[in-house]
Amino acid sequence: QVQLVESGGGLVQAGGSLRLSCAVSGRTESNYNMAWFRQAPGKDREFVAAITPVGWSGTSIYYADSVKGRFAISEDGAKNTVYLQMNRMKPEDTAVYYCAANRGRRTVVDADAMDYWGKGTLVTVSS
């Protein structure tokens, strides 16, 4: 059973940076797609970023338009950890951020398509 544990959330001023981590355990194979979603109060959960395996050692990376150029997703296989580096943050980035995973050739931008979820970490950006 895959388990995901997020950390790194907190309070940051607008324009600042924060790095989230997602510790992954229980993966028995390598073809897992990893993603970050977020949910602001009163809003639906939305896609933020994803990293998917391609071939033997390649990856594809996807970003929501709202974070493109400001956020960066990465994965350290040796540490079994996925990161989300968030720069030039805005008050509208305030949300609970969730790490999620699924396997195989499946979409990663639809929350309903993800099989595994962490419990989330709260990020608050003050203006």
Foldseek 3Di string as FASTA:
>chain_A
DKAWAKDWADEAAQQAKTKMKIAIDDDPDDFKKKFKWWDDPPGDIFGAKIWGDDPPRDIDIDGDPVQPPFWDWDADPVRNMIMIIGGNHDQVVWTWMKMFMDGDDDDDGDPVGTDYIYPTDTHGYHD
